[in-house]
Protein backbone atom coordinates (compact mmCIF):
# COMPACT_ATOMS: atom_id res chain seq x y z
CA MET A 1 97.56 50.82 -127.03
CA LEU A 2 99.59 53.60 -128.67
CA GLU A 3 100.15 53.43 -132.43
CA VAL A 4 103.30 55.13 -133.69
CA ALA A 5 104.19 55.95 -137.30
CA VAL A 6 107.82 55.39 -138.29
CA LEU A 7 109.61 55.87 -141.61
CA ASP A 8 111.79 52.74 -141.53
CA GLN A 9 111.72 49.20 -140.15
CA LEU A 10 114.82 50.01 -138.07
CA GLU A 11 112.92 52.76 -136.25
CA ARG A 12 110.27 50.43 -134.88
CA LEU A 13 109.85 50.69 -131.10
CA GLN A 14 109.96 47.49 -129.09
CA SER A 15 107.85 48.36 -126.10
CA LYS A 16 104.76 46.96 -124.47
CA GLY A 17 101.63 48.95 -125.30
CA ILE A 18 103.11 50.41 -128.50
CA THR A 19 102.53 49.25 -132.06
CA CYS A 20 104.44 50.69 -135.00
CA LYS A 21 103.20 51.29 -138.53
CA VAL A 22 105.96 51.68 -141.10
CA PHE A 23 105.52 54.33 -143.82
CA SER A 24 108.51 53.57 -146.01
CA GLN A 25 107.36 54.71 -149.45
CA PRO A 26 108.29 58.32 -150.40
CA ALA A 27 104.66 59.24 -151.04
CA MET A 28 103.65 58.08 -147.57
CA GLN A 29 106.54 59.94 -145.96
CA ARG A 30 104.95 63.15 -147.25
CA ALA A 31 101.59 62.19 -145.77
CA PHE A 32 102.10 64.02 -142.48
CA VAL A 33 101.90 67.64 -141.37
CA SER A 34 104.12 69.18 -138.72
CA LEU A 35 102.54 70.44 -135.51
CA GLY A 36 105.86 71.79 -134.25
CA GLU A 37 108.28 70.51 -131.63
CA GLY A 38 108.97 67.45 -133.77
CA VAL A 39 105.34 66.27 -133.61
CA GLN A 40 103.71 65.10 -136.83
CA ALA A 41 100.04 64.39 -137.57
CA SER A 42 98.31 62.57 -140.41
CA SER A 43 97.48 64.78 -143.36
CA PRO A 44 93.76 65.17 -144.14
CA GLU A 45 94.18 62.80 -147.10
CA LEU A 46 95.86 60.11 -145.00
CA LEU A 47 93.33 60.61 -142.21
CA PHE A 48 90.49 59.81 -144.60
CA ILE A 49 92.17 56.56 -145.65
CA GLU A 50 93.04 55.58 -142.08
CA MET A 51 89.47 56.14 -140.89
CA ALA A 52 88.22 53.81 -143.64
CA GLN A 53 89.49 50.97 -141.43
CA VAL A 54 87.12 51.79 -138.56
CA MET A 55 84.24 53.99 -139.76
CA PRO A 56 80.94 52.83 -141.25
CA LEU A 57 80.65 53.85 -144.89
CA MET A 58 78.20 56.72 -144.45
CA ASN A 59 80.19 58.18 -141.55
CA LEU A 60 83.34 57.99 -143.67
CA VAL A 61 81.62 59.83 -146.52
CA LEU A 62 80.41 62.50 -144.07
CA LEU A 63 83.96 62.86 -142.74
CA GLY A 64 85.14 63.39 -146.31
CA CYS A 65 82.51 66.11 -146.82
CA GLU A 66 83.71 67.81 -143.63
CA LEU A 67 87.36 67.70 -144.71
CA CYS A 68 86.40 69.10 -148.13
CA GLY A 69 83.83 71.56 -146.77
CA SER A 70 83.67 74.80 -144.83
CA PHE A 71 82.50 73.51 -141.45
CA SER A 72 84.23 71.61 -138.65
CA ARG A 73 82.70 69.42 -135.98
CA ASP A 74 83.95 69.20 -132.41
CA PRO A 75 86.55 66.37 -132.52
CA ALA A 76 85.79 65.40 -128.91
CA ASP A 77 82.03 65.22 -129.48
CA PRO A 78 81.23 65.18 -133.21
CA HIS A 79 77.56 64.33 -132.72
CA ASP A 80 76.52 66.79 -130.02
CA GLY A 81 79.41 69.26 -129.80
CA ASP A 82 79.62 72.73 -131.30
CA VAL A 83 80.19 73.21 -135.03
CA ALA A 84 82.51 75.85 -136.49
CA TYR A 85 81.31 77.44 -139.74
CA TRP A 86 82.97 79.42 -142.53
CA VAL A 87 86.31 77.64 -142.13
CA ASP A 88 88.59 76.93 -145.08
CA PRO A 89 88.47 73.37 -146.49
CA VAL A 90 91.58 71.40 -145.49
CA THR A 91 91.54 69.28 -148.65
CA SER A 92 89.42 68.41 -151.69
CA VAL A 93 88.00 65.32 -153.34
CA GLU A 94 90.62 65.57 -156.07
CA LYS A 95 93.49 65.83 -153.58
CA ILE A 96 92.28 62.76 -151.67
CA ARG A 97 91.82 60.86 -154.94
CA THR A 98 95.33 61.77 -156.14
CA PHE A 99 96.85 60.73 -152.82
CA ALA A 100 94.85 57.49 -152.73
CA LYS A 101 96.36 56.42 -156.06
CA LEU A 102 99.75 56.35 -154.32
CA CYS A 103 98.49 54.23 -151.44
CA THR A 104 97.45 50.98 -153.07
CA HIS A 105 99.23 48.96 -150.36
CA VAL A 106 97.60 50.71 -147.38
CA ARG A 107 94.92 48.95 -145.37
CA GLY A 108 91.47 50.39 -146.01
CA ILE A 109 92.33 51.89 -149.39
CA THR A 110 89.67 49.91 -151.27
CA ARG A 111 86.99 51.01 -148.85
CA ALA A 112 88.26 54.57 -148.87
CA ALA A 113 88.09 54.66 -152.67
CA LYS A 114 84.50 53.41 -152.57
CA ALA A 115 83.49 56.05 -150.02
CA LEU A 116 85.27 58.78 -151.96
CA SER A 117 82.88 58.17 -154.87
CA TYR A 118 80.16 59.82 -152.77
CA VAL A 119 82.16 62.60 -151.08
CA MET A 120 81.37 66.14 -152.26
CA ASP A 121 83.33 69.37 -152.13
CA ASN A 122 81.97 72.60 -150.69
CA ALA A 123 79.52 71.45 -148.00
CA TRP A 124 78.60 74.42 -145.80
CA SER A 125 77.01 72.58 -142.86
CA PRO A 126 76.75 69.08 -141.34
CA THR A 127 73.03 68.82 -142.07
CA GLU A 128 73.46 69.93 -145.68
CA ALA A 129 76.18 67.28 -146.08
CA LEU A 130 73.98 64.63 -144.46
CA VAL A 131 71.03 65.22 -146.81
CA ALA A 132 73.33 65.27 -149.84
CA VAL A 133 75.07 62.05 -148.82
CA MET A 134 71.75 60.30 -148.18
CA ALA A 135 70.66 61.35 -151.66
CA ALA A 136 73.87 60.16 -153.34
CA LEU A 137 74.52 56.85 -151.57
CA PRO A 138 73.35 53.81 -153.55
CA LEU A 139 70.31 51.85 -152.46
CA GLU A 140 72.22 48.98 -150.91
CA TYR A 141 73.99 51.39 -148.55
CA GLY A 142 70.78 53.04 -147.40
CA GLY A 143 70.68 56.02 -149.75
CA TYR A 144 68.43 57.10 -152.60
CA GLY A 145 70.85 56.47 -155.46
CA ILE A 146 70.58 59.95 -156.99
CA ASP A 147 74.02 60.80 -158.29
CA PRO A 148 75.77 63.13 -158.85
CA VAL A 149 74.94 65.80 -156.28
CA VAL A 150 76.60 69.22 -156.56
CA LEU A 151 76.79 71.45 -153.48
CA ASN A 152 76.48 75.23 -153.40
CA LYS A 153 76.90 75.88 -157.09
CA ARG A 154 76.32 79.50 -158.01
CA VAL A 155 73.49 79.86 -160.55
CA PRO A 156 73.21 83.02 -162.70
CA VAL A 157 69.69 84.44 -162.68
CA SER A 158 67.80 87.09 -164.64
CA GLU A 159 69.28 90.57 -164.90
CA LYS A 160 65.94 91.79 -163.53
CA ALA A 161 66.44 89.71 -160.37
CA THR A 162 67.32 91.20 -156.99
CA ARG A 163 70.75 89.52 -157.14
CA ALA A 164 73.09 88.56 -159.96
CA SER A 165 73.14 84.91 -158.87
CA ARG A 166 71.75 82.49 -156.32
CA VAL A 167 73.32 79.46 -154.58
CA PRO A 168 71.08 76.43 -153.98
CA ASP A 169 72.41 74.13 -151.25
CA MET A 170 72.40 71.19 -153.66
CA LEU A 171 71.52 70.33 -157.24
CA PHE A 172 70.83 66.79 -158.42
CA ALA A 173 71.63 64.66 -161.45
CA ASN A 174 70.39 66.86 -164.31
CA GLY A 175 71.08 70.16 -162.53
CA THR A 176 67.50 71.42 -162.74
CA VAL A 177 66.20 70.07 -159.42
CA GLY A 178 67.67 70.76 -156.00
CA LEU A 179 67.20 71.27 -152.28
CA ASN A 180 67.77 74.05 -149.77
CA TYR A 181 68.00 73.17 -146.09
CA ASP A 182 66.05 75.61 -143.92
CA GLY A 183 67.22 74.75 -140.41
CA GLU A 184 65.62 75.55 -137.09
CA ASP A 185 67.48 78.86 -136.93
CA HIS A 186 66.84 79.79 -140.58
CA PHE A 187 64.11 82.16 -139.40
CA ASP A 188 65.27 83.28 -135.95
CA LEU A 189 61.87 83.06 -134.29
CA GLY A 190 63.53 82.54 -130.92
CA LYS A 191 64.89 86.06 -131.16
CA VAL A 192 61.36 87.35 -131.81
CA VAL A 193 59.98 85.44 -128.79
CA SER A 194 62.75 86.77 -126.53
CA ALA A 195 62.10 90.34 -127.69
CA ALA A 196 58.34 89.93 -127.13
CA GLN A 197 58.92 88.60 -123.62
CA ARG A 198 61.21 91.51 -122.84
CA LEU A 199 58.61 93.97 -124.12
CA ARG A 200 55.99 92.36 -121.90
CA GLU A 201 58.30 92.59 -118.89
CA TYR A 202 59.46 96.13 -119.61
CA ALA A 203 56.40 97.57 -121.34
CA GLY A 204 57.44 101.16 -120.85
CA GLU A 205 60.89 100.89 -122.43
CA ASP A 206 61.30 102.18 -125.96
CA SER A 207 64.35 99.94 -126.39
CA SER A 208 62.19 96.81 -125.88
CA GLN A 209 59.78 97.90 -128.60
CA ARG A 210 62.68 98.66 -130.95
CA GLN A 211 64.22 95.27 -130.23
CA LEU A 212 60.97 93.47 -131.10
CA SER A 213 60.48 95.54 -134.25
CA ALA A 214 64.03 94.80 -135.38
CA ALA A 215 63.60 91.06 -134.77
CA LEU A 216 60.34 90.98 -136.73
CA GLU A 217 61.92 92.97 -139.55
CA ASP A 218 64.87 90.54 -139.75
CA VAL A 219 62.56 87.53 -140.03
CA ARG A 220 60.36 89.21 -142.64
CA GLU A 221 63.39 90.30 -144.67
CA LYS A 222 64.73 86.74 -144.69
CA TYR A 223 61.33 85.32 -145.66
CA VAL A 224 60.93 87.76 -148.55
CA ASP A 225 64.47 87.07 -149.79
CA ASP A 226 63.79 83.31 -149.74
CA ARG A 227 60.63 83.70 -151.79
CA ARG A 228 62.44 85.89 -154.32
CA ARG A 229 65.27 83.33 -154.43
CA ASP A 230 62.80 80.56 -155.25
CA CYS A 231 61.19 82.63 -158.00
CA GLU A 232 64.52 83.66 -159.51
CA LEU A 233 65.83 80.08 -159.50
CA ALA A 234 62.57 78.83 -161.04
CA ALA A 235 62.88 81.42 -163.82
CA ALA A 236 66.45 80.15 -164.39
CA GLY A 237 65.11 76.61 -164.81
CA ARG A 238 65.87 75.32 -161.31
CA LEU A 239 63.14 73.78 -159.17
CA VAL A 240 64.47 73.90 -155.61
CA PHE A 241 62.58 72.26 -152.74
CA SER A 242 63.00 73.29 -149.10
CA VAL A 243 64.09 70.74 -146.49
CA THR A 244 63.10 71.46 -142.89
CA LYS A 245 64.22 69.99 -139.59
CA GLU A 246 60.85 68.28 -139.37
CA ASP A 247 61.52 66.45 -142.66
CA LEU A 248 64.56 64.90 -140.99
CA ILE A 249 63.28 64.06 -137.52
CA GLU A 250 59.81 62.78 -138.48
CA LYS A 251 59.68 59.13 -139.49
CA GLY A 252 59.42 58.88 -143.27
CA GLY A 253 59.74 62.65 -143.69
CA LEU A 254 62.76 62.58 -145.96
CA ASP A 255 61.31 59.68 -147.95
CA ASN A 256 58.22 61.76 -148.66
CA LEU A 257 60.30 64.74 -149.77
CA MET A 258 62.62 62.64 -151.95
CA THR A 259 59.56 61.15 -153.66
CA LEU A 260 58.73 64.70 -154.83
CA VAL A 261 62.34 65.13 -155.98
CA LEU A 262 62.12 61.90 -157.99
CA ASP A 263 58.85 63.06 -159.57
CA ALA A 264 60.53 66.31 -160.61
CA LEU A 265 63.62 64.53 -161.92
CA ASP A 266 61.63 61.92 -163.84
CA ARG A 267 59.46 64.30 -165.87
CA GLY A 268 57.64 61.30 -167.32
CA ALA A 269 60.72 59.07 -167.69
CA SER A 270 59.34 56.54 -165.23
CA GLU A 271 62.06 53.94 -165.83
CA LYS A 272 64.96 56.16 -164.71
CA PHE A 273 64.38 55.82 -160.97
CA LYS A 274 62.40 52.60 -161.02
CA MET A 275 64.86 50.89 -158.67
CA THR A 276 64.83 53.77 -156.20
CA ARG A 277 61.05 53.92 -156.13
CA ALA A 278 60.90 50.16 -155.56
CA ALA A 279 63.46 50.31 -152.75
CA MET A 280 61.49 53.03 -150.98
CA ARG A 281 58.60 50.57 -150.67
CA VAL A 282 60.65 47.86 -148.92
CA ARG A 283 60.11 48.01 -145.17
CA GLU A 284 63.55 46.80 -144.10
CA LEU A 285 65.33 49.24 -146.42
CA ALA A 286 63.10 52.05 -145.16
CA ARG A 287 64.02 51.21 -141.56
CA MET A 288 67.72 51.12 -142.33
CA ARG A 289 67.53 54.35 -144.33
CA GLN A 290 65.69 56.09 -141.51
CA ASP A 291 68.17 54.90 -138.88
CA LEU A 292 71.13 55.90 -141.06
CA LEU A 293 69.70 59.41 -141.30
CA TRP A 294 68.95 59.63 -137.59
CA SER A 295 72.30 58.09 -136.60
CA ALA A 296 74.14 61.18 -137.85
CA MET A 297 71.89 63.57 -135.93
CA PRO A 298 72.47 64.92 -132.40
CA GLY A 299 70.67 64.03 -129.21
CA ALA A 300 68.75 60.95 -128.08
CA LEU A 301 67.39 60.38 -131.60
CA GLY A 302 70.92 59.77 -132.89
CA VAL A 303 71.98 57.63 -129.92
CA GLN A 304 69.01 55.28 -130.28
CA ALA A 305 69.45 54.99 -134.05
CA ARG A 306 73.14 54.12 -133.70
CA ARG A 307 72.26 51.39 -131.21
CA ARG A 308 69.69 49.89 -133.57
CA LEU A 309 72.15 49.94 -136.47
CA ALA A 310 74.80 48.23 -134.31
CA ARG A 311 72.37 45.47 -133.35
CA ARG A 312 71.47 44.85 -136.99
CA ALA A 313 75.01 45.13 -138.35
CA ALA A 314 75.73 41.40 -138.21
CA ARG A 315 72.82 40.44 -140.45
CA ARG A 316 72.55 43.57 -142.60
CA ARG A 317 74.79 42.35 -145.44
CA SER A 318 72.81 39.16 -146.09
CA GLU A 319 69.51 41.07 -145.88
CA LEU A 320 70.71 43.64 -148.40
CA GLU A 321 71.92 40.97 -150.81
CA VAL A 322 68.48 39.34 -150.74
CA LEU A 323 66.72 42.70 -151.10
CA ARG A 324 68.99 43.77 -153.96
CA ALA A 325 68.25 40.56 -155.85
CA SER A 326 64.54 40.91 -155.14
CA LEU A 327 64.44 44.45 -156.49
CA GLN A 328 65.68 43.09 -159.82
CA ASP A 329 63.32 40.12 -159.84
CA GLU A 330 59.61 40.97 -159.96
CA ASP A 331 58.68 37.38 -159.05
CA ALA A 332 60.49 37.76 -155.72
CA TRP A 333 58.38 40.72 -154.57
CA GLU A 334 55.83 38.43 -152.93
CA HIS A 335 58.49 37.58 -150.31
CA ILE A 336 59.35 41.20 -149.49
CA GLU A 337 57.64 43.11 -146.68
CA LEU A 338 56.43 46.42 -148.12
CA VAL A 339 55.79 49.73 -146.39
């Protein structure tokens, strides 16, 4: 089935296999970008609203972060395809919000507006966006309910520091606690291993020794800079935790890390995140949260998680309503299965 956008009822095509969507309002007529040769495509803002009709909420929020960020997934294989980095954002949260106000009649607009509440500007990578979205989403949608989250905000540090400022990947609610994602290639140990293997194979070559020395120097330089970054941010009043790949792929890994984040955010105010702490103890919520995290990740881990979420989709809403009510009613805890 081919869906065609037309600007007037009179332009509708009467043909088998074609459906027409009429965009008659002036604001909607400006919601397309020209690709040349008379071909038009949905603008990024319209795309976000259109995808609200078909995407699960977290995936829609992640799409918003991609549109408003500086990375781009492979459109043919967004889960396992290559990612382009250091690209210019095609829109912003404010632009989508402004456009959405003109689209009150469009299908999916209510859901799009809800998702937009958790979209963030300036995400630099898919994994960074995923962790931030998991942190910001409310409990009933499988997140941790820590909002707002600010991405890649430049923080001035001491004039005695090695740099004039530092950029944590994300800062939470009060701006003093944050996270940095240290991915698998953060320290390029694979480059060190390759250089060591080459040196072993070509022991007499000076170039092999230089290659290994350079690889080791690069890793050490990055490690030292990270430690200085942590110290300089701490001196500026920012406590920034590191997130590793293992925190994401190990069952309960992100829960354990976010517990430390909550401890740092609370600073003795135990009531502030009472609901989040309670939700992290509920087994069904923990399973859903883990599968939501894994579902956005590449490989077999993501495939299996998406299948589990699809199987549970039909009953998830009623379960969450019961769990939400139970979290607010201490007498109902005896009926909840805890981790």
